[in-house]
Amino acid sequence: MKQEQANRRRLLYGVMLAVLIWGSVLSLGAFLFGTGPDGLVTFAPSVTRGAIVFSCVAFFVGGWALLVRQQRTP
């Protein structure tokens, strides 16, 4: 039973890490590319766009981690 619980925890942390990596890639794309005056996607770096996307992903994963930690604590 202990091994099964450890496997579940490892899987959960793996999924959380995957979501964080996925969000980081999305924020990199939001940072590097934007819309030009003609409405088409173009190379237009913007720290603000990247920071907004990354902060939303970090807030989500951080809240998830807190909920998981709170659930483990008796």
C-alpha atoms as a PDB file:
ATOM      1  CA  MET A   1       0.000   0.000   0.000  1.00  0.00           C
ATOM      2  CA  LYS A   2       2.848   2.387   0.806  1.00  0.00           C
ATOM      3  CA  GLN A   3       4.430   1.803  -2.624  1.00  0.00           C
ATOM      4  CA  GLU A   4       1.136   2.537  -4.384  1.00  0.00           C
ATOM      5  CA  GLN A   5       0.808   5.841  -2.534  1.00  0.00           C
ATOM      6  CA  ALA A   6       4.390   6.781  -3.447  1.00  0.00           C
ATOM      7  CA  ASN A   7       3.669   5.994  -7.108  1.00  0.00           C
ATOM      8  CA  ARG A   8       0.559   8.184  -7.047  1.00  0.00           C
ATOM      9  CA  ARG A   9       2.500  11.055  -5.502  1.00  0.00           C
ATOM     10  CA  ARG A  10       5.273  10.697  -8.093  1.00  0.00           C
ATOM     11  CA  LEU A  11       2.695  10.721 -10.896  1.00  0.00           C
ATOM     12  CA  LEU A  12       1.011  13.814  -9.460  1.00  0.00           C
ATOM     13  CA  TYR A  13       4.313  15.678  -9.208  1.00  0.00           C
ATOM     14  CA  GLY A  14       5.154  14.602 -12.754  1.00  0.00           C
ATOM     15  CA  VAL A  15       1.880  16.029 -14.050  1.00  0.00           C
ATOM     16  CA  MET A  16       2.465  19.258 -12.121  1.00  0.00           C
ATOM     17  CA  LEU A  17       5.958  19.544 -13.613  1.00  0.00           C
ATOM     18  CA  ALA A  18       4.570  18.892 -17.110  1.00  0.00           C
ATOM     19  CA  VAL A  19       1.978  21.663 -16.661  1.00  0.00           C
ATOM     20  CA  LEU A  20       4.706  24.032 -15.485  1.00  0.00           C
ATOM     21  CA  ILE A  21       6.921  23.217 -18.490  1.00  0.00           C
ATOM     22  CA  TRP A  22       3.968  23.556 -20.861  1.00  0.00           C
ATOM     23  CA  GLY A  23       3.099  26.946 -19.356  1.00  0.00           C
ATOM     24  CA  SER A  24       6.710  28.052 -19.650  1.00  0.00           C
ATOM     25  CA  VAL A  25       6.713  27.216 -23.354  1.00  0.00           C
ATOM     26  CA  LEU A  26       3.451  29.099 -23.789  1.00  0.00           C
ATOM     27  CA  SER A  27       4.838  32.134 -21.984  1.00  0.00           C
ATOM     28  CA  LEU A  28       7.955  32.029 -24.166  1.00  0.00           C
ATOM     29  CA  GLY A  29       5.730  32.046 -27.252  1.00  0.00           C
ATOM     30  CA  ALA A  30       3.654  34.897 -25.852  1.00  0.00           C
ATOM     31  CA  PHE A  31       6.852  36.803 -25.098  1.00  0.00           C
ATOM     32  CA  LEU A  32       8.385  36.333 -28.542  1.00  0.00           C
ATOM     33  CA  PHE A  33       5.391  36.629 -30.870  1.00  0.00           C
ATOM     34  CA  GLY A  34       2.454  38.997 -31.107  1.00  0.00           C
ATOM     35  CA  THR A  35       0.166  40.551 -33.667  1.00  0.00           C
ATOM     36  CA  GLY A  36       1.338  43.252 -35.995  1.00  0.00           C
ATOM     37  CA  PRO A  37      -0.636  46.238 -37.281  1.00  0.00           C
ATOM     38  CA  ASP A  38      -2.136  44.033 -40.005  1.00  0.00           C
ATOM     39  CA  GLY A  39      -3.394  41.486 -37.458  1.00  0.00           C
ATOM     40  CA  LEU A  40      -0.955  38.749 -38.476  1.00  0.00           C
ATOM     41  CA  VAL A  41       1.394  36.990 -36.075  1.00  0.00           C
ATOM     42  CA  THR A  42       4.834  38.540 -36.179  1.00  0.00           C
ATOM     43  CA  PHE A  43       8.051  38.642 -34.154  1.00  0.00           C
ATOM     44  CA  ALA A  44       7.303  41.259 -31.510  1.00  0.00           C
ATOM     45  CA  PRO A  45       8.927  40.555 -28.122  1.00  0.00           C
ATOM     46  CA  SER A  46       6.936  41.787 -25.146  1.00  0.00           C
ATOM     47  CA  VAL A  47       7.951  41.088 -21.554  1.00  0.00           C
ATOM     48  CA  THR A  48       4.484  42.002 -20.334  1.00  0.00           C
ATOM     49  CA  ARG A  49       2.696  39.319 -22.374  1.00  0.00           C
ATOM     50  CA  GLY A  50       5.164  36.647 -21.311  1.00  0.00           C
ATOM     51  CA  ALA A  51       4.997  37.672 -17.664  1.00  0.00           C
ATOM     52  CA  ILE A  52       1.196  37.606 -17.641  1.00  0.00           C
ATOM     53  CA  VAL A  53       1.056  34.089 -19.075  1.00  0.00           C
ATOM     54  CA  PHE A  54       3.816  32.769 -16.811  1.00  0.00           C
ATOM     55  CA  SER A  55       2.316  34.340 -13.685  1.00  0.00           C
ATOM     56  CA  CYS A  56      -1.067  32.734 -14.425  1.00  0.00           C
ATOM     57  CA  VAL A  57       0.547  29.319 -14.856  1.00  0.00           C
ATOM     58  CA  ALA A  58       2.691  29.775 -11.733  1.00  0.00           C
ATOM     59  CA  PHE A  59      -0.367  30.868  -9.725  1.00  0.00           C
ATOM     60  CA  PHE A  60      -2.297  27.800 -10.876  1.00  0.00           C
ATOM     61  CA  VAL A  61       0.501  25.309 -10.166  1.00  0.00           C
ATOM     62  CA  GLY A  62       1.356  27.011  -6.851  1.00  0.00           C
ATOM     63  CA  GLY A  63      -2.246  26.852  -5.690  1.00  0.00           C
ATOM     64  CA  TRP A  64      -2.453  23.232  -6.766  1.00  0.00           C
ATOM     65  CA  ALA A  65       0.728  22.422  -4.823  1.00  0.00           C
ATOM     66  CA  LEU A  66      -0.667  24.128  -1.716  1.00  0.00           C
ATOM     67  CA  LEU A  67      -3.889  22.147  -1.964  1.00  0.00           C
ATOM     68  CA  VAL A  68      -1.973  18.886  -2.340  1.00  0.00           C
ATOM     69  CA  ARG A  69       0.244  19.743   0.603  1.00  0.00           C
ATOM     70  CA  GLN A  70      -2.749  20.721   2.744  1.00  0.00           C
ATOM     71  CA  GLN A  71      -4.474  17.451   1.898  1.00  0.00           C
ATOM     72  CA  ARG A  72      -1.460  15.430   3.092  1.00  0.00           C
ATOM     73  CA  THR A  73      -1.201  17.291   6.409  1.00  0.00           C
ATOM     74  CA  PRO A  74      -3.523  15.798   9.082  1.00  0.00           C
END
